[in-house]
Structures are given as structure tokens and as C-alpha cells.
Amino acid sequence: MSQQAPPSLPSSRAVLGLLAALVVVWFALLGSRDLIEPDEGRYAEIPREMLATGDWLTPRLDGFKYFEKPPLQYWLTALGYAAFGVSNATARLWPALLGLLGAAAAGGLAHRLYGPPAGLHAFAVLLTSLLYSALGHILSLDMAVSVFLFLGVASLVLAQQGRGRPGAHRWMWLGWAALAAATLSKGLIGIVLPGGAVLLYSLWQRDWALWRHLELGKGLLILLGLTAPWFVLVSLHNPEFAWFFFVREHLQRYTTEVHSRSEPFWYFAPVLLLGTLPWSGAMLRALLQPGFAWRPARPAGGASPGFSPERFLWVYAALVFVFFSLGDSKLAPYILPMLPALAVLAARRLARAPDRALPWLALGCAVGLAVLAWWAPRYRSDLLTPERLAAYAIWFYLAAGAMALAALCAWRARPHALLRLGATTVLVLAALQLIAWGYRVTEPARSSRGLAEAIGAERPGDAPVYAVGDYFPHSLPFYLERTVTVVGFTGELELGIRAEPERWIASLEAFAERWRAEPRAYAVLTLSAYEALQRSGVPLRELGRNARLVAVSRQ
């Protein structure tokens, strides 16, 4: 049987054209959607308040202290606001930029390890994987911690590959700085995951030389020098921070159901399968059939074995999966950090032969999207009317068409035709963007922009604005560009409310009393609160509503 020739890389102009097309599609719709509650509203508002108040030390949400996460992305987003203005696009700018950086880092590492075709594959595969692409366009902290973790891992791989060579230690210094950024993005996970991977890999491979080349002394100085100042200063100014952040948000979040995010042990298996579409075949094969002997090689004379990038990347990816599977708190984005490593491992094979599963998986995605579009109107709810679902279904049909074209391109691809594979990835990314574009039809039920605009049209000036009921509209302060007074809601604001209870109104009755005394005021109420106040004869003039909330004035 004759072996297939390895793929050749197209001209540099063609490669640049492919990369440019992917980048354009990646950023094309960044500001087209309103911020969705709760996460996007929360992570857009905290940096807006930092910039408005000048307090870059203590994160605040609607004026209340908010210590669930460290501040790096808040700082970066606030700088983006200062440079480009406050908008949907600038709120999502850093997840998108970091997502592109993570794909470039995966491509760069694969290029160094396996050659240019592997680098191009790693970049395109990661950028067009469902979970990675989605989280690159949603405002959350998961992309930041994932990319900085991978930058640390990739730097370690390059440093260990170059053991004894001049300048190799500088890669380790960069790696330690990246882990500091990961820690400042989402906490101690920035140390635990790569540290666990180093420990498990060295025990498995008996590669003790790894520890001698970690630059532990200077590395820890870099890590502490970059992270400790904020942790120390915020603790000195806020005595409640240390217990809440390190105990509740780390230990209790992982070992208990304090956040009510309990899922079965196998939860991340379908997440990984669906989240890596349409590259699930290549990614899962890299994880389940990594292509190396499990027993480490033993050099003659008992010398330490050389460093194996494949084994280390595999250990890191598997550790992420197992670590979060063992925890009591589970959310789909938690396993995002493993995808860049899997993309590099998958690219090693894809550079030698096309992914035979890709066209079938892409076609399956096309059929699945078409079926979802057909069934969409049947999933109506109070938040999503049949009319909105029918409007959204059109975009699913368009995405299904793009994915079907991607399947056709993948079928026609040959080992020497990377540009055809490039066309596949551009179409896959376009399909994902079409789904995101169509999501705009659901925004009135999931964003408070319309209510903020209804209040803004009244020119409220300094008149008070209240958020009333058991639901907090996270994007309301962002679109109003001011904080509001919370009534009856605690939730994630509980710590801040305990610290400053005078800024909070506990009950609907207390709010009604204050509302009657106001000469002019505005409020956004849940439907149940609105109906209760109407029955009590409280004067309310409706300004606008969505499926969950009503905007009113006191005039």
C-alpha cells in the first residue's frame, strides 16, 4: 500500500489570505449583539465603574464590592473603554483578542514542533471549534484564563525542548509571567493546573531534569512580583476579601454545591464532544489515541529521558478534564483550557493526512442546525415567543447552509490542498457567526438595553433609578452608564450588601414608601413586583417592558 505524501504548504500569499479571512470573520460581528445577562452585563459593568470612579483596586458591581474574580480583565476592558469608548464591541474586545492570541500561540507551537502545515492546522482548528469560537465572542473570563494558561504551557514546552541552549530560560520566564496573568484572571487555577501537569508528567516520565530547568527561583519571583501587590493591597483595604476569595470562591466552589452548579461526573464528556465540533474526531483521537507509547523510553545507562512535548501536552489536557470532572461545581466553559493543547496534538496528525471524520461531522452539524431551526418555534416560553424563535430559525438555516458547504469543501480536500481546508474553516466560522448574528432577535428578553433607552429618553438627570424584585438586570447600569439602587435582591451582591447595607432596600414595602416620597424617580421592576405595586395603588407610569421586566417612572 502506498503512503500518502505529506501535505505541502501553499504560497505565503495564500496562507496570509486565509489567515486574514479568518481574522476578518472572527471580528466581524463583535459589537452587533447587545450584552446578555447575567455574565456579559456583569463583566462589562465592573470595568465601566472602575473607569468612572478611578478605583482600580476594589472591583465593584453596581457600586457594591465584588470579589468573585481577580481584576486583570477588568483592567484591560477599562483601558479599552478609555481608548475606544464604552460599547458592546469594546466590552467584548479582550475575549476576542485573547481568543485570536490563543489560536496564534497554538499555531506557533505546532509550527515549531511539527512544521508549517501543522501550525496552520492548529490555528484554524482551534479558532473554528464550537466552544472556543463561542467563548471568544461572549464576554466572560474563561477565554483569558485559558489563553494565559496555554501561553504558560507552550513557553514551558519550548524551554524544555531547548534545555541547555542559550536563551532557553527566557521562555520559562515568559511562562511564569503568563501564569501570573492567568492567576490575575481567575485565581489559583492559574497555578494549580500547570503545576499539577508538571508534577504528573515528571512522575510518569521520571523526567527529573524538568525540575532543574523550571527556573523556580526567578520564576516564583516573577509570579509573586506580578500577582502579590494586588492581593495584598486589596486585602488591606477590604478585610473580608481573603476569606471570601480564597475559601468561598476556591475551596467551597470546588468541594461543595455552594453555587448550585452540581452535575454528574460524566458531564464534561458530551461538552467536549459537542464543544470541539466539527473537529471532534481529530481532537478526541488526540486525547484517546495520543500516538505515543505509554511506557516512557529508558535511555542506556539510566540517564533521564528527553522531554516529550506530546506527553506533556496530553497530561495537561487530560488533567484539565479530570480536575473539573471531580469538582462539585461544573460549567461547560471550565474545560476550555484543554482545547489549545488538543488542537496542537490534533494538528500533528492533520498535517500528515486530512481528517476523515471532518466532512461527516460538518454535515451532521448542518443537519442538526436545520433540525433545530425546524423545531425552534415549538420551544416557546415566556421569554422567547414563537415569533422570535421563528425569526431566529432563519439564521439557523443559513448557518446550516454554510456548514453544508464546509462539509463539501472538506470532502474535496486532499493532503496537498490546504487551501481547500482553509475554505472549510472559513465557512465553519461563518456558520458560527451567523448563529451569533441571529441571536439578536432574542435580545429584548435577555438584555436591558431597551429598558435603559426608555428611561434615558426621559432625561432622568440625577433622579434615582431602582432595580426592583428577585432578578437583577446586570446590563442595566452599563447601558444607563450609572449605578442603580437594588431592591429586594441579594444573590451575588450579598457580600457587598453586608458591607454597605445602607445602599440597599430590603423589601417591596420599604421601596413603595420611598417611591411615594420621590418627586421624580425611575425603576425597572420584575413583572411580579410591578403587579404587586399596582395592586397596592403605587403610582407607576410604564415606559417600556420586555418579557421579564417593566420600566416605570414616578411623575
Foldseek 3Di string as FASTA:
>chain_A
DDADFFADDDDPVLLVVLVVLLLCLLLVCLQVFDAFPDALLFQLQQLLVCLVVVPQQFTDFLRFGFQLAFCPSSVVLNVLCVVPNRGSNSSLVVLLVLLLVLLQLLLVLLCVPANNQLSSQLSLLQCLFQQSSVSSRHRDLLSLLLSLLVLLLSLLVQLLVQPPHPPSLVSLLSSLLSLLSSCNRGHPVSPVLLVVLVVVLCVQQVQPVSVVSNVVVVSVVSSCVSRVVSVVVSCVVPVVNPCCHPPVSPVCQFAHCPVVQFDALCVQVVLLCRRSPPCSQLLVCCQPVVPDDSRHDQDPPRDRDGDDSSSSLNSSLVCQSNSNSNGRHDDSSSSVSNSSSSSSSSSSVCSGWNDPSNLVRLLVQLVVLLVCLVCQLVPDDLLRHSVLSNQLSVLSNVLSVLSNVLSVLSVPDGSHCVSSPSSSSSSSSSSSVSNVSSCNSSDLSGACLVLLVLVVVVVCDPAAEEEEDADDRSNNCVNVVHRHQYEQYPPSSVVRCVVPVVSYHNHLVVVLVVLVVGQKHKYKYFPVSVVVVVVVVRDWAWRDGHSTITITMRD
